[in-house]
C-alpha atoms as a PDB file:
ATOM      1  CA  MET A   1       5.657 -87.813-134.390  1.00  0.00           C
ATOM      2  CA  GLU A   2       6.190 -89.182-131.325  1.00  0.00           C
ATOM      3  CA  TRP A   3       7.144 -87.517-128.508  1.00  0.00           C
ATOM      4  CA  LYS A   4       9.180 -88.891-125.907  1.00  0.00           C
ATOM      5  CA  ASN A   5       8.327 -86.040-123.215  1.00  0.00           C
ATOM      6  CA  ILE A   6       5.438 -83.449-122.369  1.00  0.00           C
ATOM      7  CA  ALA A   7       5.616 -81.104-120.200  1.00  0.00           C
ATOM      8  CA  MET A   8       2.530 -79.269-119.146  1.00  0.00           C
ATOM      9  CA  ASP A   9       3.072 -75.418-118.164  1.00  0.00           C
ATOM     10  CA  TYR A  10       6.120 -76.030-117.031  1.00  0.00           C
ATOM     11  CA  TYR A  11       7.426 -72.105-117.986  1.00  0.00           C
ATOM     12  CA  PRO A  12       9.991 -70.310-116.673  1.00  0.00           C
ATOM     13  CA  ASP A  13      11.974 -74.153-116.391  1.00  0.00           C
ATOM     14  CA  ILE A  14      11.315 -74.615-120.121  1.00  0.00           C
ATOM     15  CA  PHE A  15      11.435 -71.674-122.732  1.00  0.00           C
ATOM     16  CA  LEU A  16      11.174 -70.556-126.237  1.00  0.00           C
ATOM     17  CA  GLN A  17      14.026 -67.863-126.413  1.00  0.00           C
ATOM     18  CA  ASP A  18      16.424 -68.207-129.214  1.00  0.00           C
ATOM     19  CA  SER A  19      14.470 -71.001-131.069  1.00  0.00           C
ATOM     20  CA  THR A  20      13.248 -70.880-134.557  1.00  0.00           C
ATOM     21  CA  PHE A  21       9.873 -72.246-135.722  1.00  0.00           C
ATOM     22  CA  ASP A  22       9.529 -72.682-139.778  1.00  0.00           C
ATOM     23  CA  LYS A  23       6.233 -75.165-139.056  1.00  0.00           C
ATOM     24  CA  ILE A  24       3.095 -73.793-137.761  1.00  0.00           C
ATOM     25  CA  ASP A  25      -0.569 -76.090-137.976  1.00  0.00           C
ATOM     26  CA  LEU A  26      -3.868 -74.876-136.386  1.00  0.00           C
ATOM     27  CA  CYS A  27      -6.082 -77.797-136.637  1.00  0.00           C
ATOM     28  CA  ASP A  28      -8.574 -79.529-134.056  1.00  0.00           C
ATOM     29  CA  GLY A  29      -8.496 -76.321-132.302  1.00  0.00           C
ATOM     30  CA  GLU A  30      -4.433 -76.802-131.785  1.00  0.00           C
ATOM     31  CA  LEU A  31      -1.913 -74.401-132.742  1.00  0.00           C
ATOM     32  CA  LYS A  32       1.398 -76.316-132.989  1.00  0.00           C
ATOM     33  CA  LEU A  33       4.476 -74.895-133.677  1.00  0.00           C
ATOM     34  CA  ARG A  34       7.035 -77.188-134.914  1.00  0.00           C
ATOM     35  CA  PHE A  35      11.081 -76.319-133.591  1.00  0.00           C
ATOM     36  CA  ASN A  36      13.232 -78.016-135.772  1.00  0.00           C
ATOM     37  CA  GLU A  37      16.908 -75.732-136.472  1.00  0.00           C
ATOM     38  CA  TYR A  38      16.851 -75.069-132.428  1.00  0.00           C
ATOM     39  CA  GLY A  39      14.395 -76.470-130.108  1.00  0.00           C
ATOM     40  CA  LEU A  40      13.605 -75.883-126.795  1.00  0.00           C
ATOM     41  CA  MET A  41      15.754 -74.561-123.965  1.00  0.00           C
ATOM     42  CA  ILE A  42      15.299 -76.443-120.731  1.00  0.00           C
ATOM     43  CA  PHE A  43      16.848 -75.848-117.126  1.00  0.00           C
ATOM     44  CA  ASP A  44      18.620 -79.082-115.640  1.00  0.00           C
ATOM     45  CA  LYS A  45      17.971 -78.446-112.165  1.00  0.00           C
ATOM     46  CA  ASP A  46      20.793 -81.309-110.881  1.00  0.00           C
ATOM     47  CA  LYS A  47      23.654 -79.674-113.206  1.00  0.00           C
ATOM     48  CA  ASN A  48      22.273 -76.318-112.629  1.00  0.00           C
ATOM     49  CA  LYS A  49      22.707 -75.169-116.799  1.00  0.00           C
ATOM     50  CA  LEU A  50      20.661 -74.618-119.533  1.00  0.00           C
ATOM     51  CA  PHE A  51      20.290 -76.820-122.347  1.00  0.00           C
ATOM     52  CA  ARG A  52      18.365 -77.271-125.422  1.00  0.00           C
ATOM     53  CA  THR A  53      16.751 -79.927-126.985  1.00  0.00           C
ATOM     54  CA  ARG A  54      16.903 -81.289-130.986  1.00  0.00           C
ATOM     55  CA  GLU A  55      13.361 -80.720-132.062  1.00  0.00           C
ATOM     56  CA  ALA A  56      10.479 -79.716-129.790  1.00  0.00           C
ATOM     57  CA  GLN A  57       7.406 -78.383-130.431  1.00  0.00           C
ATOM     58  CA  VAL A  58       4.913 -76.094-128.286  1.00  0.00           C
ATOM     59  CA  VAL A  59       1.023 -76.894-128.644  1.00  0.00           C
ATOM     60  CA  PHE A  60      -1.634 -73.551-127.443  1.00  0.00           C
ATOM     61  CA  LYS A  61      -4.894 -75.223-126.223  1.00  0.00           C
ATOM     62  CA  ASP A  62      -8.145 -74.561-127.965  1.00  0.00           C
ATOM     63  CA  VAL A  63      -7.209 -71.814-130.270  1.00  0.00           C
ATOM     64  CA  GLU A  64      -9.629 -70.300-133.550  1.00  0.00           C
ATOM     65  CA  LEU A  65      -8.396 -68.343-135.887  1.00  0.00           C
ATOM     66  CA  ASP A  66     -10.013 -64.976-134.620  1.00  0.00           C
ATOM     67  CA  GLY A  67      -7.817 -66.053-131.562  1.00  0.00           C
ATOM     68  CA  ILE A  68      -4.420 -65.166-133.836  1.00  0.00           C
ATOM     69  CA  ILE A  69      -3.157 -61.921-133.246  1.00  0.00           C
ATOM     70  CA  ILE A  70      -0.409 -60.411-135.127  1.00  0.00           C
ATOM     71  CA  GLU A  71       1.428 -56.868-135.687  1.00  0.00           C
ATOM     72  CA  LYS A  72       4.149 -56.261-137.590  1.00  0.00           C
ATOM     73  CA  GLN A  73       6.712 -53.368-135.976  1.00  0.00           C
ATOM     74  CA  VAL A  74       7.369 -50.592-138.809  1.00  0.00           C
ATOM     75  CA  TYR A  75       8.668 -47.122-139.139  1.00  0.00           C
ATOM     76  CA  ASN A  76       6.243 -44.365-139.691  1.00  0.00           C
ATOM     77  CA  ASN A  77       8.459 -40.891-140.606  1.00  0.00           C
ATOM     78  CA  SER A  78       5.483 -39.104-138.563  1.00  0.00           C
ATOM     79  CA  TYR A  79       5.005 -41.680-135.969  1.00  0.00           C
ATOM     80  CA  GLY A  80       8.417 -43.715-135.140  1.00  0.00           C
ATOM     81  CA  LYS A  81       7.673 -47.207-134.924  1.00  0.00           C
ATOM     82  CA  ILE A  82       4.202 -48.396-135.359  1.00  0.00           C
ATOM     83  CA  LEU A  83       2.264 -51.953-135.113  1.00  0.00           C
ATOM     84  CA  LYS A  84       0.358 -52.941-138.359  1.00  0.00           C
ATOM     85  CA  TYR A  85      -2.001 -55.385-138.398  1.00  0.00           C
ATOM     86  CA  ILE A  86      -1.234 -58.711-140.145  1.00  0.00           C
ATOM     87  CA  PRO A  87      -4.644 -61.118-140.754  1.00  0.00           C
ATOM     88  CA  ALA A  88      -3.661 -64.548-139.136  1.00  0.00           C
ATOM     89  CA  ASP A  89      -4.633 -66.597-142.516  1.00  0.00           C
ATOM     90  CA  ILE A  90      -1.994 -64.600-144.242  1.00  0.00           C
ATOM     91  CA  PHE A  91       0.495 -65.220-141.113  1.00  0.00           C
ATOM     92  CA  LEU A  92      -0.208 -68.714-141.211  1.00  0.00           C
ATOM     93  CA  LYS A  93       0.031 -69.046-145.137  1.00  0.00           C
ATOM     94  CA  ASN A  94       3.530 -67.138-144.954  1.00  0.00           C
ATOM     95  CA  ILE A  95       5.297 -69.934-142.499  1.00  0.00           C
ATOM     96  CA  LYS A  96       3.473 -73.100-144.339  1.00  0.00           C
ATOM     97  CA  GLU A  97       4.386 -71.846-147.564  1.00  0.00           C
ATOM     98  CA  LYS A  98       7.944 -71.514-146.447  1.00  0.00           C
ATOM     99  CA  ARG A  99       8.205 -67.130-147.078  1.00  0.00           C
ATOM    100  CA  TRP A 100       8.964 -66.581-143.518  1.00  0.00           C
ATOM    101  CA  LYS A 101      10.516 -68.766-140.261  1.00  0.00           C
ATOM    102  CA  CYS A 102      10.520 -67.219-136.843  1.00  0.00           C
ATOM    103  CA  GLU A 103      12.532 -66.720-134.296  1.00  0.00           C
ATOM    104  CA  VAL A 104      11.175 -66.758-130.692  1.00  0.00           C
ATOM    105  CA  ALA A 105      12.699 -62.909-128.509  1.00  0.00           C
ATOM    106  CA  ASN A 106      11.007 -62.691-126.074  1.00  0.00           C
ATOM    107  CA  GLU A 107       7.616 -64.935-124.126  1.00  0.00           C
ATOM    108  CA  ALA A 108       5.285 -63.779-121.813  1.00  0.00           C
ATOM    109  CA  TYR A 109       1.946 -66.053-120.448  1.00  0.00           C
ATOM    110  CA  GLY A 110      -0.642 -65.513-118.793  1.00  0.00           C
ATOM    111  CA  THR A 111      -4.215 -66.693-117.905  1.00  0.00           C
ATOM    112  CA  GLY A 112      -6.003 -67.250-121.195  1.00  0.00           C
ATOM    113  CA  ILE A 113      -3.288 -65.280-123.453  1.00  0.00           C
ATOM    114  CA  ALA A 114       0.907 -66.396-124.488  1.00  0.00           C
ATOM    115  CA  MET A 115       2.696 -63.319-125.976  1.00  0.00           C
ATOM    116  CA  LEU A 116       5.395 -63.999-128.402  1.00  0.00           C
ATOM    117  CA  GLU A 117       8.101 -61.243-129.738  1.00  0.00           C
ATOM    118  CA  LEU A 118       9.203 -62.269-133.114  1.00  0.00           C
ATOM    119  CA  VAL A 119      12.175 -61.382-135.339  1.00  0.00           C
ATOM    120  CA  VAL A 120      10.428 -62.996-138.895  1.00  0.00           C
ATOM    121  CA  TYR A 121      13.154 -63.282-141.330  1.00  0.00           C
ATOM    122  CA  GLU A 122      11.595 -63.042-144.536  1.00  0.00           C
ATOM    123  CA  LYS A 123      13.283 -65.805-147.230  1.00  0.00           C
ATOM    124  CA  GLY A 124      15.388 -64.938-150.114  1.00  0.00           C
ATOM    125  CA  ASN A 125      16.650 -61.613-148.822  1.00  0.00           C
ATOM    126  CA  LYS A 126      18.328 -60.546-145.943  1.00  0.00           C
ATOM    127  CA  LYS A 127      14.998 -58.428-145.210  1.00  0.00           C
ATOM    128  CA  TRP A 128      13.700 -59.581-141.748  1.00  0.00           C
ATOM    129  CA  PHE A 129      11.082 -57.154-139.211  1.00  0.00           C
ATOM    130  CA  ARG A 130       9.992 -57.861-135.660  1.00  0.00           C
ATOM    131  CA  ALA A 131       6.674 -58.698-135.031  1.00  0.00           C
ATOM    132  CA  PHE A 132       4.071 -59.150-131.834  1.00  0.00           C
ATOM    133  CA  LEU A 133       1.993 -62.626-131.597  1.00  0.00           C
ATOM    134  CA  GLN A 134      -0.709 -62.931-129.319  1.00  0.00           C
ATOM    135  CA  ILE A 135      -2.132 -66.229-128.970  1.00  0.00           C
ATOM    136  CA  TYR A 136      -5.587 -66.675-126.914  1.00  0.00           C
ATOM    137  CA  ASN A 137      -5.935 -70.487-125.687  1.00  0.00           C
ATOM    138  CA  THR A 138      -6.742 -72.453-122.581  1.00  0.00           C
ATOM    139  CA  GLY A 139      -3.198 -73.776-121.718  1.00  0.00           C
ATOM    140  CA  TYR A 140       0.097 -75.076-123.764  1.00  0.00           C
ATOM    141  CA  TYR A 141       2.505 -77.975-123.599  1.00  0.00           C
ATOM    142  CA  PHE A 142       5.798 -78.125-124.608  1.00  0.00           C
ATOM    143  CA  CYS A 143       6.517 -81.324-126.713  1.00  0.00           C
ATOM    144  CA  ARG A 144      10.259 -82.233-127.143  1.00  0.00           C
ATOM    145  CA  ASN A 145      12.962 -85.974-127.482  1.00  0.00           C
ATOM    146  CA  ASP A 146      16.258 -85.629-125.946  1.00  0.00           C
ATOM    147  CA  ILE A 147      17.596 -83.005-124.286  1.00  0.00           C
ATOM    148  CA  ASP A 148      20.807 -81.880-126.576  1.00  0.00           C
ATOM    149  CA  TYR A 149      23.935 -81.966-123.227  1.00  0.00           C
ATOM    150  CA  SER A 150      26.442 -81.291-125.584  1.00  0.00           C
ATOM    151  CA  TYR A 151      24.538 -77.777-126.413  1.00  0.00           C
ATOM    152  CA  GLU A 152      24.737 -76.178-123.426  1.00  0.00           C
ATOM    153  CA  VAL A 153      23.738 -72.512-123.412  1.00  0.00           C
ATOM    154  CA  VAL A 154      26.080 -70.124-122.079  1.00  0.00           C
ATOM    155  CA  LYS A 155      24.221 -67.538-119.782  1.00  0.00           C
END
């Protein structure tokens, strides 16, 4: 797909919270998350308001399979909430095969790492779980087309 706008490292003016991705691809060292349902949120400085894009993609550069760490939050009777490791290839496969779709609940970026807190919905039933996705990378950029000015995000 051709993107009209590509923005490098524009967080927090562009962010992913409440955006849902159901497509993921790791190819040639780039991890691409595709947002179809609800795109990125963008702060329009001229209007001083938040808006959404229709479709969008975030691309993380120089990512390897072992640089993707996913931990599922589960409840343990003895210890309460604990984190259970999910292999990256299983995570990627479940999203590619449309078994899971992920909503970004929170995000943080640092030097060489992006951390996304996800709500993962399982297809075919109403089950969901919380997961934490760590992506080791050398940079990232946001791709989008038009801003949907009819979809104002209320704070």
